[in-house]
């Protein structure tokens, strides 16, 4: 096995991927270095990032260490994140959102059954964008149920779900489906 990179590099790599503060004890165990050495290196890195006026900061919070956006850069980061949320939804996301809107509260398995494909990735996108939310669990199956949010109504320009258009006029008639089959 190849030797590990220097401690500073190891700590930076780990801190880059953590989602919540990680304790110095854990960092010492992972890097197989003495805790005192890890703590000293973390303090040095934090001071170095501040001195160099980096766009990020290393902070000790909630019993652990984590990288954060530097406060001066927060408006730009917020703009970037929010602009990403303004992006148009893909066709699968729109289809999934329609199933949730018309069948809510509805489980992932029911949505997948209606669409005929797995919807896990699309559901994560819709949850992240705040267009759907959890609405409890199904009594029989224990599955998590989903519904649309107030943000969905706002984006759609509706006050209530009662304003959703009727589906029947948008669906093909049985006669037109039979005609298309006979032409094929």
C-alpha atoms as a PDB file:
ATOM      1  CA  UNK A   1       0.000   0.000   0.000  1.00  0.00           C
ATOM      2  CA  UNK A   2       1.323   3.436  -0.952  1.00  0.00           C
ATOM      3  CA  UNK A   3       2.165   5.849   1.855  1.00  0.00           C
ATOM      4  CA  UNK A   4      -0.495   8.405   2.734  1.00  0.00           C
ATOM      5  CA  UNK A   5      -0.094  12.008   1.551  1.00  0.00           C
ATOM      6  CA  UNK A   6       0.899  14.629   4.139  1.00  0.00           C
ATOM      7  CA  UNK A   7      -1.575  15.148   6.997  1.00  0.00           C
ATOM      8  CA  UNK A   8      -2.659  18.580   5.698  1.00  0.00           C
ATOM      9  CA  UNK A   9      -3.733  17.080   2.365  1.00  0.00           C
ATOM     10  CA  UNK A  10      -5.555  14.208   4.040  1.00  0.00           C
ATOM     11  CA  UNK A  11      -7.489  16.528   6.323  1.00  0.00           C
ATOM     12  CA  UNK A  12      -8.418  18.869   3.468  1.00  0.00           C
ATOM     13  CA  UNK A  13      -9.643  15.950   1.360  1.00  0.00           C
ATOM     14  CA  UNK A  14     -11.815  14.603   4.169  1.00  0.00           C
ATOM     15  CA  UNK A  15     -13.181  18.017   5.155  1.00  0.00           C
ATOM     16  CA  UNK A  16     -14.114  18.680   1.544  1.00  0.00           C
ATOM     17  CA  UNK A  17     -16.670  15.857   1.552  1.00  0.00           C
ATOM     18  CA  UNK A  18     -18.162  15.954   5.063  1.00  0.00           C
ATOM     19  CA  UNK A  19     -21.764  17.067   5.368  1.00  0.00           C
ATOM     20  CA  UNK A  20     -21.602  17.819   9.076  1.00  0.00           C
ATOM     21  CA  UNK A  21     -18.785  18.768  11.450  1.00  0.00           C
ATOM     22  CA  UNK A  22     -16.376  15.886  12.111  1.00  0.00           C
ATOM     23  CA  UNK A  23     -14.634  15.490  15.467  1.00  0.00           C
ATOM     24  CA  UNK A  24     -10.839  15.777  15.638  1.00  0.00           C
ATOM     25  CA  UNK A  25     -10.780  12.359  17.337  1.00  0.00           C
ATOM     26  CA  UNK A  26     -12.398  10.836  14.253  1.00  0.00           C
ATOM     27  CA  UNK A  27      -9.960  12.654  11.974  1.00  0.00           C
ATOM     28  CA  UNK A  28      -7.073  11.328  14.071  1.00  0.00           C
ATOM     29  CA  UNK A  29      -8.406   7.766  13.804  1.00  0.00           C
ATOM     30  CA  UNK A  30      -8.919   7.993  10.035  1.00  0.00           C
ATOM     31  CA  UNK A  31      -5.499   9.519   9.351  1.00  0.00           C
ATOM     32  CA  UNK A  32      -3.835   7.301  11.967  1.00  0.00           C
ATOM     33  CA  UNK A  33      -2.070  10.309  13.473  1.00  0.00           C
ATOM     34  CA  UNK A  34      -1.929  11.579  17.067  1.00  0.00           C
ATOM     35  CA  UNK A  35      -4.922  13.715  18.027  1.00  0.00           C
ATOM     36  CA  UNK A  36      -2.698  16.631  19.155  1.00  0.00           C
ATOM     37  CA  UNK A  37      -0.991  16.710  15.752  1.00  0.00           C
ATOM     38  CA  UNK A  38      -4.367  16.676  13.981  1.00  0.00           C
ATOM     39  CA  UNK A  39      -5.734  19.503  16.161  1.00  0.00           C
ATOM     40  CA  UNK A  40      -2.616  21.624  15.617  1.00  0.00           C
ATOM     41  CA  UNK A  41      -2.803  21.063  11.841  1.00  0.00           C
ATOM     42  CA  UNK A  42      -6.514  21.981  11.790  1.00  0.00           C
ATOM     43  CA  UNK A  43      -5.775  25.252  13.604  1.00  0.00           C
ATOM     44  CA  UNK A  44      -2.907  25.981  11.188  1.00  0.00           C
ATOM     45  CA  UNK A  45      -5.140  25.321   8.168  1.00  0.00           C
ATOM     46  CA  UNK A  46      -7.873  27.561   9.576  1.00  0.00           C
ATOM     47  CA  UNK A  47      -5.402  30.402  10.189  1.00  0.00           C
ATOM     48  CA  UNK A  48      -3.846  29.923   6.734  1.00  0.00           C
ATOM     49  CA  UNK A  49      -7.261  30.108   4.984  1.00  0.00           C
ATOM     50  CA  UNK A  50      -8.070  33.320   6.862  1.00  0.00           C
ATOM     51  CA  UNK A  51      -4.664  34.875   6.196  1.00  0.00           C
ATOM     52  CA  UNK A  52      -4.889  34.055   2.489  1.00  0.00           C
ATOM     53  CA  UNK A  53      -8.470  35.373   2.371  1.00  0.00           C
ATOM     54  CA  UNK A  54      -9.732  32.179   0.763  1.00  0.00           C
ATOM     55  CA  UNK A  55     -13.382  31.907  -0.245  1.00  0.00           C
ATOM     56  CA  UNK A  56     -13.856  29.280   2.427  1.00  0.00           C
ATOM     57  CA  UNK A  57     -13.173  29.020   6.125  1.00  0.00           C
ATOM     58  CA  UNK A  58     -12.335  26.068   8.386  1.00  0.00           C
ATOM     59  CA  UNK A  59     -14.338  26.299  11.598  1.00  0.00           C
ATOM     60  CA  UNK A  60     -14.639  24.293  14.754  1.00  0.00           C
ATOM     61  CA  UNK A  61     -18.364  24.024  15.497  1.00  0.00           C
ATOM     62  CA  UNK A  62     -20.740  21.591  17.194  1.00  0.00           C
ATOM     63  CA  UNK A  63     -17.883  19.428  18.477  1.00  0.00           C
ATOM     64  CA  UNK A  64     -16.229  19.061  15.099  1.00  0.00           C
ATOM     65  CA  UNK A  65     -14.535  20.705  12.123  1.00  0.00           C
ATOM     66  CA  UNK A  66     -16.038  21.680   8.798  1.00  0.00           C
ATOM     67  CA  UNK A  67     -15.358  23.929   5.803  1.00  0.00           C
ATOM     68  CA  UNK A  68     -17.779  26.823   5.345  1.00  0.00           C
ATOM     69  CA  UNK A  69     -18.217  29.551   2.778  1.00  0.00           C
ATOM     70  CA  UNK A  70     -16.549  32.736   3.937  1.00  0.00           C
ATOM     71  CA  UNK A  71     -19.189  35.306   4.969  1.00  0.00           C
ATOM     72  CA  UNK A  72     -18.018  37.849   2.379  1.00  0.00           C
ATOM     73  CA  UNK A  73     -18.763  35.321  -0.384  1.00  0.00           C
ATOM     74  CA  UNK A  74     -22.194  34.301   0.906  1.00  0.00           C
ATOM     75  CA  UNK A  75     -24.203  36.553  -1.459  1.00  0.00           C
ATOM     76  CA  UNK A  76     -22.485  35.052  -4.520  1.00  0.00           C
ATOM     77  CA  UNK A  77     -22.909  31.502  -3.273  1.00  0.00           C
ATOM     78  CA  UNK A  78     -26.574  32.185  -2.518  1.00  0.00           C
ATOM     79  CA  UNK A  79     -27.059  33.603  -6.022  1.00  0.00           C
ATOM     80  CA  UNK A  80     -25.387  30.543  -7.547  1.00  0.00           C
ATOM     81  CA  UNK A  81     -27.523  28.127  -5.538  1.00  0.00           C
ATOM     82  CA  UNK A  82     -30.753  29.995  -6.201  1.00  0.00           C
ATOM     83  CA  UNK A  83     -30.034  30.417  -9.909  1.00  0.00           C
ATOM     84  CA  UNK A  84     -29.544  26.664 -10.100  1.00  0.00           C
ATOM     85  CA  UNK A  85     -33.030  26.266  -8.664  1.00  0.00           C
ATOM     86  CA  UNK A  86     -34.489  28.459 -11.398  1.00  0.00           C
ATOM     87  CA  UNK A  87     -33.498  25.970 -14.066  1.00  0.00           C
ATOM     88  CA  UNK A  88     -36.324  24.386 -16.014  1.00  0.00           C
ATOM     89  CA  UNK A  89     -37.516  20.958 -14.991  1.00  0.00           C
ATOM     90  CA  UNK A  90     -36.786  17.996 -17.239  1.00  0.00           C
ATOM     91  CA  UNK A  91     -39.625  16.112 -18.908  1.00  0.00           C
ATOM     92  CA  UNK A  92     -39.366  13.214 -16.391  1.00  0.00           C
ATOM     93  CA  UNK A  93     -39.463  15.735 -13.511  1.00  0.00           C
ATOM     94  CA  UNK A  94     -42.561  17.412 -14.959  1.00  0.00           C
ATOM     95  CA  UNK A  95     -44.268  14.051 -15.427  1.00  0.00           C
ATOM     96  CA  UNK A  96     -43.441  13.001 -11.872  1.00  0.00           C
ATOM     97  CA  UNK A  97     -44.617  16.341 -10.499  1.00  0.00           C
ATOM     98  CA  UNK A  98     -47.912  15.930 -12.365  1.00  0.00           C
ATOM     99  CA  UNK A  99     -48.434  12.470 -10.862  1.00  0.00           C
ATOM    100  CA  UNK A 100     -47.791  13.850  -7.363  1.00  0.00           C
ATOM    101  CA  UNK A 101     -50.076  16.842  -7.959  1.00  0.00           C
ATOM    102  CA  UNK A 102     -53.012  14.780  -9.215  1.00  0.00           C
ATOM    103  CA  UNK A 103     -52.670  11.716  -6.964  1.00  0.00           C
ATOM    104  CA  UNK A 104     -51.387  13.185  -3.701  1.00  0.00           C
ATOM    105  CA  UNK A 105     -50.660  11.950  -1.163  1.00  0.00           C
ATOM    106  CA  UNK A 106     -48.825   9.299  -3.158  1.00  0.00           C
ATOM    107  CA  UNK A 107     -45.910   6.903  -2.596  1.00  0.00           C
ATOM    108  CA  UNK A 108     -42.791   6.569  -4.761  1.00  0.00           C
ATOM    109  CA  UNK A 109     -43.807   3.067  -5.802  1.00  0.00           C
ATOM    110  CA  UNK A 110     -47.196   4.334  -7.010  1.00  0.00           C
ATOM    111  CA  UNK A 111     -45.526   7.166  -8.930  1.00  0.00           C
ATOM    112  CA  UNK A 112     -43.104   4.684 -10.531  1.00  0.00           C
ATOM    113  CA  UNK A 113     -46.036   2.418 -11.433  1.00  0.00           C
ATOM    114  CA  UNK A 114     -47.915   5.276 -13.112  1.00  0.00           C
ATOM    115  CA  UNK A 115     -44.845   6.483 -15.025  1.00  0.00           C
ATOM    116  CA  UNK A 116     -43.494   3.004 -15.781  1.00  0.00           C
ATOM    117  CA  UNK A 117     -39.958   3.912 -14.674  1.00  0.00           C
ATOM    118  CA  UNK A 118     -38.040   4.368 -11.425  1.00  0.00           C
ATOM    119  CA  UNK A 119     -38.525   7.900 -10.133  1.00  0.00           C
ATOM    120  CA  UNK A 120     -36.023   8.071  -7.226  1.00  0.00           C
ATOM    121  CA  UNK A 121     -33.623  10.561  -8.833  1.00  0.00           C
ATOM    122  CA  UNK A 122     -36.415  12.812 -10.049  1.00  0.00           C
ATOM    123  CA  UNK A 123     -38.067  12.713  -6.619  1.00  0.00           C
ATOM    124  CA  UNK A 124     -34.803  13.883  -5.018  1.00  0.00           C
ATOM    125  CA  UNK A 125     -34.690  16.796  -7.473  1.00  0.00           C
ATOM    126  CA  UNK A 126     -38.282  17.801  -6.716  1.00  0.00           C
ATOM    127  CA  UNK A 127     -37.671  17.530  -2.962  1.00  0.00           C
ATOM    128  CA  UNK A 128     -34.475  19.602  -3.235  1.00  0.00           C
ATOM    129  CA  UNK A 129     -36.266  22.287  -5.203  1.00  0.00           C
ATOM    130  CA  UNK A 130     -39.024  22.403  -2.597  1.00  0.00           C
ATOM    131  CA  UNK A 131     -41.809  21.496  -5.032  1.00  0.00           C
ATOM    132  CA  UNK A 132     -42.841  18.359  -3.121  1.00  0.00           C
ATOM    133  CA  UNK A 133     -42.588  17.270   0.506  1.00  0.00           C
ATOM    134  CA  UNK A 134     -43.237  14.247   2.691  1.00  0.00           C
ATOM    135  CA  UNK A 135     -46.860  13.907   3.769  1.00  0.00           C
ATOM    136  CA  UNK A 136     -46.729  11.052   6.288  1.00  0.00           C
ATOM    137  CA  UNK A 137     -46.743   7.318   5.726  1.00  0.00           C
ATOM    138  CA  UNK A 138     -49.217   4.900   4.197  1.00  0.00           C
ATOM    139  CA  UNK A 139     -51.023   2.997   6.953  1.00  0.00           C
ATOM    140  CA  UNK A 140     -51.021  -0.297   5.049  1.00  0.00           C
ATOM    141  CA  UNK A 141     -47.561  -0.376   3.465  1.00  0.00           C
ATOM    142  CA  UNK A 142     -45.579   2.037   5.652  1.00  0.00           C
ATOM    143  CA  UNK A 143     -44.370   3.804   2.484  1.00  0.00           C
ATOM    144  CA  UNK A 144     -43.602   7.507   2.679  1.00  0.00           C
ATOM    145  CA  UNK A 145     -46.251   9.613   0.985  1.00  0.00           C
ATOM    146  CA  UNK A 146     -45.560  12.823  -0.936  1.00  0.00           C
ATOM    147  CA  UNK A 147     -47.546  15.937  -1.779  1.00  0.00           C
ATOM    148  CA  UNK A 148     -46.931  19.227  -3.513  1.00  0.00           C
ATOM    149  CA  UNK A 149     -45.881  22.306  -1.528  1.00  0.00           C
ATOM    150  CA  UNK A 150     -46.986  25.908  -1.328  1.00  0.00           C
ATOM    151  CA  UNK A 151     -43.987  26.740  -3.523  1.00  0.00           C
ATOM    152  CA  UNK A 152     -45.481  24.451  -6.192  1.00  0.00           C
ATOM    153  CA  UNK A 153     -48.740  26.397  -6.034  1.00  0.00           C
ATOM    154  CA  UNK A 154     -46.826  29.684  -6.197  1.00  0.00           C
ATOM    155  CA  UNK A 155     -44.766  28.591  -9.224  1.00  0.00           C
ATOM    156  CA  UNK A 156     -47.912  27.317 -10.959  1.00  0.00           C
ATOM    157  CA  UNK A 157     -49.787  30.557 -10.194  1.00  0.00           C
ATOM    158  CA  UNK A 158     -52.544  28.760  -8.280  1.00  0.00           C
ATOM    159  CA  UNK A 159     -54.147  29.418  -4.915  1.00  0.00           C
ATOM    160  CA  UNK A 160     -55.264  25.820  -4.331  1.00  0.00           C
ATOM    161  CA  UNK A 161     -55.013  22.420  -5.964  1.00  0.00           C
ATOM    162  CA  UNK A 162     -58.668  22.790  -6.984  1.00  0.00           C
ATOM    163  CA  UNK A 163     -57.329  25.035  -9.752  1.00  0.00           C
ATOM    164  CA  UNK A 164     -55.495  22.132 -11.418  1.00  0.00           C
ATOM    165  CA  UNK A 165     -57.004  21.560 -14.866  1.00  0.00           C
ATOM    166  CA  UNK A 166     -59.222  18.523 -15.380  1.00  0.00           C
ATOM    167  CA  UNK A 167     -57.268  15.636 -16.869  1.00  0.00           C
ATOM    168  CA  UNK A 168     -60.040  14.112 -18.988  1.00  0.00           C
ATOM    169  CA  UNK A 169     -59.971  16.740 -21.780  1.00  0.00           C
ATOM    170  CA  UNK A 170     -56.176  16.351 -22.035  1.00  0.00           C
ATOM    171  CA  UNK A 171     -56.230  12.556 -22.464  1.00  0.00           C
ATOM    172  CA  UNK A 172     -56.736  10.902 -25.852  1.00  0.00           C
ATOM    173  CA  UNK A 173     -60.190   9.444 -26.403  1.00  0.00           C
ATOM    174  CA  UNK A 174     -60.685   5.692 -26.702  1.00  0.00           C
ATOM    175  CA  UNK A 175     -61.831   6.169 -30.313  1.00  0.00           C
ATOM    176  CA  UNK A 176     -58.672   8.050 -31.337  1.00  0.00           C
ATOM    177  CA  UNK A 177     -56.507   5.416 -29.654  1.00  0.00           C
ATOM    178  CA  UNK A 178     -58.335   2.664 -31.556  1.00  0.00           C
ATOM    179  CA  UNK A 179     -57.944   4.599 -34.841  1.00  0.00           C
ATOM    180  CA  UNK A 180     -54.186   4.968 -34.280  1.00  0.00           C
ATOM    181  CA  UNK A 181     -53.882   1.236 -33.582  1.00  0.00           C
ATOM    182  CA  UNK A 182     -55.762   0.313 -36.745  1.00  0.00           C
ATOM    183  CA  UNK A 183     -53.516   2.620 -38.818  1.00  0.00           C
ATOM    184  CA  UNK A 184     -50.368   0.985 -37.479  1.00  0.00           C
END
